């Protein structure tokens, strides 16, 4: 069975590199988030204050993967 992941929404605070962002979670914690492979290949860029869908693992709550814009 693959490891479970947690999906949540965050707000982009800053763009640190072409695929790396600093994102604020709903509980106020600030984490690092990187683009998923499909978004990297599509050269996706997110602006400050964009709401993004995040995927976190159960093992590390300090990093996340950005899956796309949140609705």
C-alpha atoms as a PDB file:
ATOM      1  CA  UNK A   1       0.000   0.000   0.000  1.00  0.00           C
ATOM      2  CA  UNK A   2       1.477   3.381  -0.946  1.00  0.00           C
ATOM      3  CA  UNK A   3       1.956   5.946   1.787  1.00  0.00           C
ATOM      4  CA  UNK A   4      -0.991   8.249   2.364  1.00  0.00           C
ATOM      5  CA  UNK A   5      -0.639  11.943   1.630  1.00  0.00           C
ATOM      6  CA  UNK A   6      -2.325  15.006   3.041  1.00  0.00           C
ATOM      7  CA  UNK A   7      -3.893  17.539   0.695  1.00  0.00           C
ATOM      8  CA  UNK A   8      -4.449  21.118   1.805  1.00  0.00           C
ATOM      9  CA  UNK A   9      -4.538  24.652   0.443  1.00  0.00           C
ATOM     10  CA  UNK A  10      -1.824  27.238   0.996  1.00  0.00           C
ATOM     11  CA  UNK A  11      -1.088  30.816   0.006  1.00  0.00           C
ATOM     12  CA  UNK A  12       2.097  31.688  -1.900  1.00  0.00           C
ATOM     13  CA  UNK A  13       4.239  34.170   0.052  1.00  0.00           C
ATOM     14  CA  UNK A  14       7.399  34.353  -2.077  1.00  0.00           C
ATOM     15  CA  UNK A  15       9.025  32.783  -5.105  1.00  0.00           C
ATOM     16  CA  UNK A  16      12.482  31.514  -4.096  1.00  0.00           C
ATOM     17  CA  UNK A  17      13.539  29.840  -7.351  1.00  0.00           C
ATOM     18  CA  UNK A  18      11.891  28.806 -10.630  1.00  0.00           C
ATOM     19  CA  UNK A  19      10.247  25.785  -8.969  1.00  0.00           C
ATOM     20  CA  UNK A  20      10.511  26.660  -5.255  1.00  0.00           C
ATOM     21  CA  UNK A  21       8.053  28.729  -3.227  1.00  0.00           C
ATOM     22  CA  UNK A  22       7.473  29.730   0.380  1.00  0.00           C
ATOM     23  CA  UNK A  23       3.834  28.936   1.231  1.00  0.00           C
ATOM     24  CA  UNK A  24       1.665  29.678   4.261  1.00  0.00           C
ATOM     25  CA  UNK A  25      -0.648  26.900   5.468  1.00  0.00           C
ATOM     26  CA  UNK A  26      -4.125  27.524   6.940  1.00  0.00           C
ATOM     27  CA  UNK A  27      -2.757  26.995  10.477  1.00  0.00           C
ATOM     28  CA  UNK A  28      -0.230  29.823   9.937  1.00  0.00           C
ATOM     29  CA  UNK A  29       2.867  27.646   9.466  1.00  0.00           C
ATOM     30  CA  UNK A  30       5.215  28.712   6.656  1.00  0.00           C
ATOM     31  CA  UNK A  31       6.771  25.900   4.607  1.00  0.00           C
ATOM     32  CA  UNK A  32       8.794  25.356   1.440  1.00  0.00           C
ATOM     33  CA  UNK A  33       6.908  23.947  -1.548  1.00  0.00           C
ATOM     34  CA  UNK A  34       8.123  22.794  -4.948  1.00  0.00           C
ATOM     35  CA  UNK A  35       6.241  22.304  -8.191  1.00  0.00           C
ATOM     36  CA  UNK A  36       5.078  18.836  -9.165  1.00  0.00           C
ATOM     37  CA  UNK A  37       6.743  17.327 -12.231  1.00  0.00           C
ATOM     38  CA  UNK A  38       3.834  18.107 -14.617  1.00  0.00           C
ATOM     39  CA  UNK A  39       3.814  21.748 -13.458  1.00  0.00           C
ATOM     40  CA  UNK A  40       7.601  21.971 -13.826  1.00  0.00           C
ATOM     41  CA  UNK A  41       7.429  20.618 -17.365  1.00  0.00           C
ATOM     42  CA  UNK A  42       4.638  23.107 -18.165  1.00  0.00           C
ATOM     43  CA  UNK A  43       6.787  25.973 -16.765  1.00  0.00           C
ATOM     44  CA  UNK A  44       4.004  26.981 -14.365  1.00  0.00           C
ATOM     45  CA  UNK A  45       4.513  30.189 -12.404  1.00  0.00           C
ATOM     46  CA  UNK A  46       2.475  31.262  -9.394  1.00  0.00           C
ATOM     47  CA  UNK A  47       2.117  34.816  -8.147  1.00  0.00           C
ATOM     48  CA  UNK A  48       2.232  36.056  -4.567  1.00  0.00           C
ATOM     49  CA  UNK A  49      -1.141  35.521  -2.802  1.00  0.00           C
ATOM     50  CA  UNK A  50      -2.183  32.709  -5.190  1.00  0.00           C
ATOM     51  CA  UNK A  51      -4.038  29.889  -3.424  1.00  0.00           C
ATOM     52  CA  UNK A  52      -2.409  26.564  -4.350  1.00  0.00           C
ATOM     53  CA  UNK A  53      -3.287  22.926  -3.711  1.00  0.00           C
ATOM     54  CA  UNK A  54      -0.527  21.216  -1.719  1.00  0.00           C
ATOM     55  CA  UNK A  55       0.415  17.602  -1.057  1.00  0.00           C
ATOM     56  CA  UNK A  56       2.326  16.765   2.142  1.00  0.00           C
ATOM     57  CA  UNK A  57       3.634  13.425   3.342  1.00  0.00           C
ATOM     58  CA  UNK A  58       3.019  12.074   6.816  1.00  0.00           C
ATOM     59  CA  UNK A  59       6.767  12.184   7.493  1.00  0.00           C
ATOM     60  CA  UNK A  60       7.710  15.795   6.741  1.00  0.00           C
ATOM     61  CA  UNK A  61       5.411  18.739   7.401  1.00  0.00           C
ATOM     62  CA  UNK A  62       8.084  21.295   6.441  1.00  0.00           C
ATOM     63  CA  UNK A  63       7.987  20.560   2.697  1.00  0.00           C
ATOM     64  CA  UNK A  64       5.179  20.114   0.198  1.00  0.00           C
ATOM     65  CA  UNK A  65       4.500  19.560  -3.476  1.00  0.00           C
ATOM     66  CA  UNK A  66       2.352  22.069  -5.361  1.00  0.00           C
ATOM     67  CA  UNK A  67      -0.300  20.301  -7.434  1.00  0.00           C
ATOM     68  CA  UNK A  68      -1.965  23.365  -8.966  1.00  0.00           C
ATOM     69  CA  UNK A  69      -4.194  26.325  -8.247  1.00  0.00           C
ATOM     70  CA  UNK A  70      -6.879  25.833  -5.595  1.00  0.00           C
ATOM     71  CA  UNK A  71     -10.489  26.596  -6.387  1.00  0.00           C
END
